[in-house]
């Protein structure tokens, strides 16, 4: 190799303490990470989701127990915490669903995918999932 040849750039590992606080993740990166997080939340809370479904459809008595879980709580767990966990499930489902639709659309229309579309669709995904979560959360907490 001659001295005139360009030296290739060196890429070193980032420092977690100095570089990560200033690193700005794009919206598509946030959607990707939150898509995985929402999938994990739904998987971990699947027993709670199944219990909610079972108690809500089994009988009138179990439905009364289901509705009481949101006001009086379950055992030592207060009702507001049950509502908070349910709100987390609602957000996880809505975000996972909208991000999944975004990914499916990008898979179907390879020609229409661009950097601008990725940014726009990521922002729409975040806004839609958070907006729907706020609406359903207001209903869950009795604001309307």
C-alpha atoms as a PDB file:
ATOM      1  CA  UNK A   1       0.000   0.000   0.000  1.00  0.00           C
ATOM      2  CA  UNK A   2       1.404   3.369  -0.932  1.00  0.00           C
ATOM      3  CA  UNK A   3       1.381   6.480   1.168  1.00  0.00           C
ATOM      4  CA  UNK A   4      -0.910   8.159  -1.321  1.00  0.00           C
ATOM      5  CA  UNK A   5      -3.689   5.639  -0.806  1.00  0.00           C
ATOM      6  CA  UNK A   6      -6.478   6.867   1.425  1.00  0.00           C
ATOM      7  CA  UNK A   7      -6.646   5.437   4.872  1.00  0.00           C
ATOM      8  CA  UNK A   8     -10.016   3.829   5.555  1.00  0.00           C
ATOM      9  CA  UNK A   9     -12.017   5.390   8.379  1.00  0.00           C
ATOM     10  CA  UNK A  10     -11.901   3.674  11.725  1.00  0.00           C
ATOM     11  CA  UNK A  11     -15.138   2.958  13.523  1.00  0.00           C
ATOM     12  CA  UNK A  12     -14.686   2.400  17.194  1.00  0.00           C
ATOM     13  CA  UNK A  13     -17.241   1.283  19.738  1.00  0.00           C
ATOM     14  CA  UNK A  14     -19.305   4.037  21.253  1.00  0.00           C
ATOM     15  CA  UNK A  15     -18.881   4.972  24.872  1.00  0.00           C
ATOM     16  CA  UNK A  16     -22.134   4.299  26.716  1.00  0.00           C
ATOM     17  CA  UNK A  17     -21.551   7.085  29.237  1.00  0.00           C
ATOM     18  CA  UNK A  18     -20.546   9.920  26.909  1.00  0.00           C
ATOM     19  CA  UNK A  19     -22.130   9.023  23.554  1.00  0.00           C
ATOM     20  CA  UNK A  20     -25.523   7.508  24.376  1.00  0.00           C
ATOM     21  CA  UNK A  21     -27.049  10.553  26.126  1.00  0.00           C
ATOM     22  CA  UNK A  22     -26.398  12.684  23.031  1.00  0.00           C
ATOM     23  CA  UNK A  23     -27.383  10.068  20.450  1.00  0.00           C
ATOM     24  CA  UNK A  24     -30.707  10.839  18.770  1.00  0.00           C
ATOM     25  CA  UNK A  25     -32.555   7.763  17.587  1.00  0.00           C
ATOM     26  CA  UNK A  26     -34.790   8.380  14.539  1.00  0.00           C
ATOM     27  CA  UNK A  27     -38.537   7.790  14.772  1.00  0.00           C
ATOM     28  CA  UNK A  28     -38.261   4.532  12.825  1.00  0.00           C
ATOM     29  CA  UNK A  29     -35.755   3.284  15.398  1.00  0.00           C
ATOM     30  CA  UNK A  30     -38.141   4.101  18.237  1.00  0.00           C
ATOM     31  CA  UNK A  31     -40.981   2.289  16.462  1.00  0.00           C
ATOM     32  CA  UNK A  32     -38.755  -0.747  15.927  1.00  0.00           C
ATOM     33  CA  UNK A  33     -37.646  -0.898  19.558  1.00  0.00           C
ATOM     34  CA  UNK A  34     -41.160  -0.277  20.887  1.00  0.00           C
ATOM     35  CA  UNK A  35     -42.532  -2.964  18.555  1.00  0.00           C
ATOM     36  CA  UNK A  36     -40.297  -5.479  20.293  1.00  0.00           C
ATOM     37  CA  UNK A  37     -41.105  -4.091  23.752  1.00  0.00           C
ATOM     38  CA  UNK A  38     -44.848  -4.261  23.081  1.00  0.00           C
ATOM     39  CA  UNK A  39     -44.511  -7.871  21.940  1.00  0.00           C
ATOM     40  CA  UNK A  40     -42.677  -8.774  25.144  1.00  0.00           C
ATOM     41  CA  UNK A  41     -45.283  -6.978  27.277  1.00  0.00           C
ATOM     42  CA  UNK A  42     -48.113  -8.862  25.597  1.00  0.00           C
ATOM     43  CA  UNK A  43     -46.274 -12.167  25.973  1.00  0.00           C
ATOM     44  CA  UNK A  44     -45.450 -11.628  29.654  1.00  0.00           C
ATOM     45  CA  UNK A  45     -48.978 -10.437  30.497  1.00  0.00           C
ATOM     46  CA  UNK A  46     -50.707 -13.185  28.512  1.00  0.00           C
ATOM     47  CA  UNK A  47     -51.829 -15.050  31.680  1.00  0.00           C
ATOM     48  CA  UNK A  48     -53.447 -11.831  32.944  1.00  0.00           C
ATOM     49  CA  UNK A  49     -55.113 -11.279  29.560  1.00  0.00           C
ATOM     50  CA  UNK A  50     -56.485 -14.836  29.589  1.00  0.00           C
ATOM     51  CA  UNK A  51     -57.741 -14.393  33.146  1.00  0.00           C
ATOM     52  CA  UNK A  52     -59.480 -11.135  32.156  1.00  0.00           C
ATOM     53  CA  UNK A  53     -61.144 -12.818  29.196  1.00  0.00           C
ATOM     54  CA  UNK A  54     -62.156 -15.910  31.171  1.00  0.00           C
ATOM     55  CA  UNK A  55     -63.699 -13.982  34.041  1.00  0.00           C
ATOM     56  CA  UNK A  56     -65.498 -11.596  31.723  1.00  0.00           C
ATOM     57  CA  UNK A  57     -67.326 -14.286  29.702  1.00  0.00           C
ATOM     58  CA  UNK A  58     -67.780 -17.265  32.058  1.00  0.00           C
ATOM     59  CA  UNK A  59     -70.889 -16.203  33.973  1.00  0.00           C
ATOM     60  CA  UNK A  60     -72.668 -13.228  35.476  1.00  0.00           C
ATOM     61  CA  UNK A  61     -70.969 -13.819  38.816  1.00  0.00           C
ATOM     62  CA  UNK A  62     -67.515 -13.949  37.266  1.00  0.00           C
ATOM     63  CA  UNK A  63     -68.311 -10.803  35.260  1.00  0.00           C
ATOM     64  CA  UNK A  64     -69.143  -9.051  38.533  1.00  0.00           C
ATOM     65  CA  UNK A  65     -65.763 -10.199  39.871  1.00  0.00           C
ATOM     66  CA  UNK A  66     -64.181  -8.910  36.648  1.00  0.00           C
ATOM     67  CA  UNK A  67     -65.678  -5.434  37.045  1.00  0.00           C
ATOM     68  CA  UNK A  68     -64.835  -5.395  40.756  1.00  0.00           C
ATOM     69  CA  UNK A  69     -61.173  -6.000  39.889  1.00  0.00           C
ATOM     70  CA  UNK A  70     -61.047  -2.530  38.358  1.00  0.00           C
ATOM     71  CA  UNK A  71     -62.618  -0.804  41.352  1.00  0.00           C
ATOM     72  CA  UNK A  72     -61.755  -2.833  44.455  1.00  0.00           C
ATOM     73  CA  UNK A  73     -58.699  -4.642  43.111  1.00  0.00           C
ATOM     74  CA  UNK A  74     -57.584  -8.254  43.205  1.00  0.00           C
ATOM     75  CA  UNK A  75     -56.416  -9.499  46.601  1.00  0.00           C
ATOM     76  CA  UNK A  76     -53.737  -7.073  47.795  1.00  0.00           C
ATOM     77  CA  UNK A  77     -53.412  -5.359  44.378  1.00  0.00           C
ATOM     78  CA  UNK A  78     -55.417  -2.092  44.257  1.00  0.00           C
ATOM     79  CA  UNK A  79     -57.864  -1.342  41.468  1.00  0.00           C
ATOM     80  CA  UNK A  80     -55.860   1.583  40.052  1.00  0.00           C
ATOM     81  CA  UNK A  81     -52.895  -0.752  39.531  1.00  0.00           C
ATOM     82  CA  UNK A  82     -55.096  -3.238  37.665  1.00  0.00           C
ATOM     83  CA  UNK A  83     -56.231  -0.364  35.458  1.00  0.00           C
ATOM     84  CA  UNK A  84     -52.616   0.694  34.892  1.00  0.00           C
ATOM     85  CA  UNK A  85     -51.601  -2.827  33.861  1.00  0.00           C
ATOM     86  CA  UNK A  86     -54.628  -2.992  31.570  1.00  0.00           C
ATOM     87  CA  UNK A  87     -53.612   0.338  30.060  1.00  0.00           C
ATOM     88  CA  UNK A  88     -50.138  -1.091  29.397  1.00  0.00           C
ATOM     89  CA  UNK A  89     -51.756  -4.043  27.624  1.00  0.00           C
ATOM     90  CA  UNK A  90     -53.920  -1.674  25.584  1.00  0.00           C
ATOM     91  CA  UNK A  91     -50.881   0.365  24.522  1.00  0.00           C
ATOM     92  CA  UNK A  92     -48.857  -2.765  23.748  1.00  0.00           C
ATOM     93  CA  UNK A  93     -51.604  -4.177  21.548  1.00  0.00           C
ATOM     94  CA  UNK A  94     -52.299  -0.913  19.714  1.00  0.00           C
ATOM     95  CA  UNK A  95     -48.628  -0.164  19.100  1.00  0.00           C
ATOM     96  CA  UNK A  96     -47.823  -3.716  18.048  1.00  0.00           C
ATOM     97  CA  UNK A  97     -50.811  -3.755  15.700  1.00  0.00           C
ATOM     98  CA  UNK A  98     -50.082  -0.400  14.044  1.00  0.00           C
ATOM     99  CA  UNK A  99     -46.354  -1.098  13.748  1.00  0.00           C
ATOM    100  CA  UNK A 100     -47.171  -4.516  12.305  1.00  0.00           C
ATOM    101  CA  UNK A 101     -49.413  -2.894   9.691  1.00  0.00           C
ATOM    102  CA  UNK A 102     -46.582  -0.496   8.883  1.00  0.00           C
ATOM    103  CA  UNK A 103     -44.162  -3.379   8.388  1.00  0.00           C
ATOM    104  CA  UNK A 104     -46.660  -5.293   6.270  1.00  0.00           C
ATOM    105  CA  UNK A 105     -47.225  -2.240   4.072  1.00  0.00           C
ATOM    106  CA  UNK A 106     -43.469  -1.837   3.595  1.00  0.00           C
ATOM    107  CA  UNK A 107     -43.174  -5.532   2.709  1.00  0.00           C
ATOM    108  CA  UNK A 108     -45.976  -5.333   0.146  1.00  0.00           C
ATOM    109  CA  UNK A 109     -44.911  -2.107  -1.553  1.00  0.00           C
ATOM    110  CA  UNK A 110     -41.145  -2.306  -1.962  1.00  0.00           C
ATOM    111  CA  UNK A 111     -41.119   0.405  -4.634  1.00  0.00           C
ATOM    112  CA  UNK A 112     -42.941   2.959  -2.494  1.00  0.00           C
ATOM    113  CA  UNK A 113     -40.547   2.636   0.458  1.00  0.00           C
ATOM    114  CA  UNK A 114     -38.192   5.575   0.871  1.00  0.00           C
ATOM    115  CA  UNK A 115     -36.419   7.292   3.691  1.00  0.00           C
ATOM    116  CA  UNK A 116     -39.145   9.928   3.879  1.00  0.00           C
ATOM    117  CA  UNK A 117     -41.897   7.288   3.902  1.00  0.00           C
ATOM    118  CA  UNK A 118     -40.112   5.466   6.727  1.00  0.00           C
ATOM    119  CA  UNK A 119     -39.945   8.632   8.802  1.00  0.00           C
ATOM    120  CA  UNK A 120     -43.528   9.660   8.068  1.00  0.00           C
ATOM    121  CA  UNK A 121     -44.994   6.219   8.694  1.00  0.00           C
ATOM    122  CA  UNK A 122     -43.040   5.908  11.948  1.00  0.00           C
ATOM    123  CA  UNK A 123     -44.400   9.225  13.213  1.00  0.00           C
ATOM    124  CA  UNK A 124     -47.930   8.224  12.169  1.00  0.00           C
ATOM    125  CA  UNK A 125     -47.514   4.868  13.936  1.00  0.00           C
ATOM    126  CA  UNK A 126     -46.368   6.535  17.157  1.00  0.00           C
ATOM    127  CA  UNK A 127     -49.092   9.188  17.040  1.00  0.00           C
ATOM    128  CA  UNK A 128     -51.853   6.722  16.203  1.00  0.00           C
ATOM    129  CA  UNK A 129     -50.924   4.208  18.891  1.00  0.00           C
ATOM    130  CA  UNK A 130     -50.488   6.865  21.577  1.00  0.00           C
ATOM    131  CA  UNK A 131     -53.642   8.735  20.542  1.00  0.00           C
ATOM    132  CA  UNK A 132     -55.792   5.606  20.631  1.00  0.00           C
ATOM    133  CA  UNK A 133     -54.224   4.638  23.964  1.00  0.00           C
ATOM    134  CA  UNK A 134     -55.141   8.028  25.433  1.00  0.00           C
ATOM    135  CA  UNK A 135     -58.736   7.691  24.192  1.00  0.00           C
ATOM    136  CA  UNK A 136     -59.143   4.142  25.553  1.00  0.00           C
ATOM    137  CA  UNK A 137     -57.283   5.046  28.744  1.00  0.00           C
ATOM    138  CA  UNK A 138     -59.698   7.930  29.348  1.00  0.00           C
ATOM    139  CA  UNK A 139     -62.570   5.454  28.958  1.00  0.00           C
ATOM    140  CA  UNK A 140     -60.848   2.956  31.259  1.00  0.00           C
ATOM    141  CA  UNK A 141     -60.290   5.536  34.000  1.00  0.00           C
ATOM    142  CA  UNK A 142     -63.868   6.835  33.688  1.00  0.00           C
ATOM    143  CA  UNK A 143     -63.277  10.262  32.149  1.00  0.00           C
ATOM    144  CA  UNK A 144     -66.214   9.722  29.751  1.00  0.00           C
END
